[in-house]
Amino acid sequence: MKSFYTAKYTPIDSGYMGQIVEWPEVVTEGSTLEECRAMLEDALKEMVAAYADMKKEPPLNKAFFEQLLVEI
């Protein structure tokens, strides 16, 4: 079974922090966006495997997301 997850990347002093929106425990950092993306994908795969070992269902993406533009 395949499932889509939403990645959020935030610039930080040392590069980027990446986090899975639907699964906030899946978080990592990288010095470049590309490194962070690769590390986040690896962390997500590891969490899916860990949940499978524990016979638990990983959180599934059932959310609706949109971006709102607000003038500030």
N, C-alpha and C. Protein backbone atom coordinates (compact mmCIF):
# COMPACT_ATOMS: atom_id res chain seq x y z
N MET A 1 0.84 -1.18 0.00
CA MET A 1 0.00 0.00 0.00
C MET A 1 0.89 1.25 0.00
N LYS A 2 0.51 2.23 -0.78
CA LYS A 2 1.24 3.49 -0.82
C LYS A 2 0.38 4.58 -0.22
N SER A 3 1.02 5.52 0.44
CA SER A 3 0.32 6.66 1.02
C SER A 3 1.16 7.90 0.83
N PHE A 4 0.51 9.00 0.62
CA PHE A 4 1.19 10.28 0.46
C PHE A 4 1.25 10.99 1.80
N TYR A 5 2.38 11.64 2.06
CA TYR A 5 2.56 12.45 3.25
C TYR A 5 3.01 13.84 2.82
N THR A 6 2.74 14.81 3.68
CA THR A 6 3.08 16.20 3.40
C THR A 6 4.34 16.58 4.15
N ALA A 7 5.36 17.02 3.43
CA ALA A 7 6.62 17.45 4.04
C ALA A 7 6.62 18.97 4.19
N LYS A 8 7.08 19.41 5.33
CA LYS A 8 7.21 20.85 5.61
C LYS A 8 8.69 21.13 5.85
N TYR A 9 9.24 22.10 5.14
CA TYR A 9 10.65 22.47 5.29
C TYR A 9 10.74 23.90 5.80
N THR A 10 11.54 24.07 6.86
CA THR A 10 11.72 25.37 7.47
C THR A 10 13.20 25.73 7.48
N PRO A 11 13.56 26.91 6.93
CA PRO A 11 14.96 27.32 7.02
C PRO A 11 15.35 27.57 8.48
N ILE A 12 16.51 27.05 8.87
CA ILE A 12 17.07 27.27 10.20
C ILE A 12 18.52 27.71 10.03
N ASP A 13 19.16 28.13 11.10
CA ASP A 13 20.53 28.64 11.01
C ASP A 13 21.50 27.64 10.38
N SER A 14 21.33 26.36 10.67
CA SER A 14 22.26 25.35 10.17
C SER A 14 21.84 24.74 8.83
N GLY A 15 20.72 25.20 8.26
CA GLY A 15 20.26 24.67 6.98
C GLY A 15 18.75 24.62 6.92
N TYR A 16 18.19 23.39 6.99
CA TYR A 16 16.74 23.20 6.93
C TYR A 16 16.29 22.14 7.93
N MET A 17 15.10 22.36 8.46
CA MET A 17 14.44 21.35 9.27
C MET A 17 13.27 20.82 8.43
N GLY A 18 13.13 19.49 8.39
CA GLY A 18 12.04 18.88 7.67
C GLY A 18 11.16 18.10 8.62
N GLN A 19 9.85 18.14 8.38
CA GLN A 19 8.91 17.45 9.26
C GLN A 19 7.75 16.94 8.42
N ILE A 20 7.22 15.78 8.79
CA ILE A 20 6.03 15.24 8.16
C ILE A 20 4.82 15.82 8.89
N VAL A 21 3.97 16.55 8.18
CA VAL A 21 2.84 17.25 8.79
C VAL A 21 1.90 16.28 9.48
N GLU A 22 1.57 15.18 8.84
CA GLU A 22 0.63 14.21 9.41
C GLU A 22 1.23 13.36 10.51
N TRP A 23 2.54 13.39 10.64
CA TRP A 23 3.25 12.53 11.59
C TRP A 23 4.38 13.37 12.20
N PRO A 24 4.05 14.30 13.11
CA PRO A 24 5.03 15.27 13.62
C PRO A 24 6.28 14.67 14.26
N GLU A 25 6.22 13.40 14.67
CA GLU A 25 7.40 12.77 15.26
C GLU A 25 8.48 12.50 14.22
N VAL A 26 8.13 12.53 12.95
CA VAL A 26 9.11 12.32 11.88
C VAL A 26 9.69 13.69 11.52
N VAL A 27 10.87 13.96 12.05
CA VAL A 27 11.51 15.27 11.87
C VAL A 27 13.02 15.06 11.74
N THR A 28 13.66 15.89 10.93
CA THR A 28 15.10 15.80 10.74
C THR A 28 15.64 17.15 10.29
N GLU A 29 16.95 17.24 10.19
CA GLU A 29 17.61 18.46 9.72
C GLU A 29 18.67 18.10 8.69
N GLY A 30 18.95 19.05 7.80
CA GLY A 30 20.02 18.88 6.83
C GLY A 30 20.63 20.23 6.50
N SER A 31 21.86 20.21 6.05
CA SER A 31 22.54 21.48 5.75
C SER A 31 22.03 22.10 4.44
N THR A 32 21.46 21.29 3.56
CA THR A 32 20.85 21.80 2.33
C THR A 32 19.43 21.24 2.24
N LEU A 33 18.62 21.84 1.41
CA LEU A 33 17.26 21.35 1.23
C LEU A 33 17.26 19.93 0.67
N GLU A 34 18.16 19.66 -0.26
CA GLU A 34 18.25 18.32 -0.84
C GLU A 34 18.64 17.28 0.20
N GLU A 35 19.60 17.62 1.05
CA GLU A 35 20.02 16.70 2.12
C GLU A 35 18.87 16.48 3.10
N CYS A 36 18.19 17.53 3.48
CA CYS A 36 17.08 17.43 4.40
C CYS A 36 15.96 16.57 3.81
N ARG A 37 15.67 16.77 2.53
CA ARG A 37 14.62 15.98 1.86
C ARG A 37 14.97 14.49 1.89
N ALA A 38 16.21 14.17 1.57
CA ALA A 38 16.64 12.76 1.56
C ALA A 38 16.59 12.17 2.96
N MET A 39 17.02 12.93 3.95
CA MET A 39 17.01 12.44 5.33
C MET A 39 15.57 12.27 5.84
N LEU A 40 14.68 13.17 5.43
CA LEU A 40 13.29 13.06 5.87
C LEU A 40 12.62 11.85 5.23
N GLU A 41 12.91 11.59 3.98
CA GLU A 41 12.36 10.41 3.32
C GLU A 41 12.86 9.14 4.01
N ASP A 42 14.13 9.10 4.36
CA ASP A 42 14.70 7.95 5.07
C ASP A 42 14.05 7.79 6.45
N ALA A 43 13.89 8.90 7.17
CA ALA A 43 13.27 8.85 8.49
C ALA A 43 11.83 8.36 8.40
N LEU A 44 11.11 8.77 7.37
CA LEU A 44 9.73 8.31 7.18
C LEU A 44 9.68 6.81 6.92
N LYS A 45 10.57 6.33 6.07
CA LYS A 45 10.62 4.89 5.78
C LYS A 45 10.95 4.10 7.04
N GLU A 46 11.86 4.62 7.86
CA GLU A 46 12.23 3.94 9.11
C GLU A 46 11.05 3.90 10.08
N MET A 47 10.29 4.98 10.17
CA MET A 47 9.13 5.00 11.06
C MET A 47 8.05 4.04 10.57
N VAL A 48 7.83 3.97 9.27
CA VAL A 48 6.85 3.03 8.72
C VAL A 48 7.27 1.60 9.07
N ALA A 49 8.56 1.30 8.92
CA ALA A 49 9.07 -0.04 9.25
C ALA A 49 8.93 -0.33 10.75
N ALA A 50 9.22 0.65 11.58
CA ALA A 50 9.10 0.46 13.02
C ALA A 50 7.65 0.20 13.41
N TYR A 51 6.72 0.92 12.81
CA TYR A 51 5.31 0.69 13.10
C TYR A 51 4.89 -0.70 12.63
N ALA A 52 5.38 -1.13 11.49
CA ALA A 52 5.06 -2.48 10.99
C ALA A 52 5.56 -3.54 11.97
N ASP A 53 6.77 -3.34 12.50
CA ASP A 53 7.33 -4.27 13.49
C ASP A 53 6.47 -4.34 14.75
N MET A 54 5.88 -3.20 15.11
CA MET A 54 5.03 -3.14 16.31
C MET A 54 3.58 -3.50 15.99
N LYS A 55 3.32 -3.85 14.73
CA LYS A 55 1.96 -4.19 14.28
C LYS A 55 0.98 -3.03 14.49
N LYS A 56 1.49 -1.82 14.28
CA LYS A 56 0.67 -0.61 14.39
C LYS A 56 0.48 -0.01 12.99
N GLU A 57 -0.64 0.63 12.77
CA GLU A 57 -0.90 1.33 11.52
C GLU A 57 -0.30 2.73 11.59
N PRO A 58 0.48 3.12 10.59
CA PRO A 58 0.99 4.50 10.59
C PRO A 58 -0.15 5.47 10.31
N PRO A 59 0.01 6.73 10.74
CA PRO A 59 -1.03 7.71 10.44
C PRO A 59 -1.13 7.89 8.92
N LEU A 60 -2.35 7.96 8.43
CA LEU A 60 -2.57 8.14 7.00
C LEU A 60 -2.97 9.58 6.73
N ASN A 61 -2.64 10.04 5.54
CA ASN A 61 -2.97 11.40 5.14
C ASN A 61 -4.43 11.46 4.74
N LYS A 62 -5.25 11.97 5.63
CA LYS A 62 -6.67 12.14 5.34
C LYS A 62 -7.05 13.62 5.40
N ALA A 63 -6.04 14.46 5.39
CA ALA A 63 -6.26 15.89 5.59
C ALA A 63 -6.44 16.63 4.28
N PHE A 64 -6.99 17.79 4.39
CA PHE A 64 -7.14 18.72 3.27
C PHE A 64 -6.29 19.93 3.59
N PHE A 65 -5.39 20.29 2.70
CA PHE A 65 -4.50 21.42 2.92
C PHE A 65 -4.71 22.48 1.86
N GLU A 66 -4.60 23.73 2.27
CA GLU A 66 -4.57 24.82 1.32
C GLU A 66 -3.74 25.94 1.91
N GLN A 67 -3.19 26.76 1.05
CA GLN A 67 -2.43 27.91 1.52
C GLN A 67 -3.29 29.15 1.33
N LEU A 68 -3.28 30.01 2.33
CA LEU A 68 -4.04 31.24 2.26
C LEU A 68 -3.06 32.40 2.19
N LEU A 69 -3.34 33.32 1.30
CA LEU A 69 -2.51 34.50 1.12
C LEU A 69 -3.15 35.65 1.89
N VAL A 70 -2.40 36.21 2.83
CA VAL A 70 -2.90 37.33 3.64
C VAL A 70 -1.88 38.44 3.56
N GLU A 71 -2.34 39.63 3.27
CA GLU A 71 -1.44 40.78 3.22
C GLU A 71 -1.21 41.26 4.64
N ILE A 72 0.08 41.36 5.04
CA ILE A 72 0.39 41.83 6.39
C ILE A 72 1.29 43.05 6.33
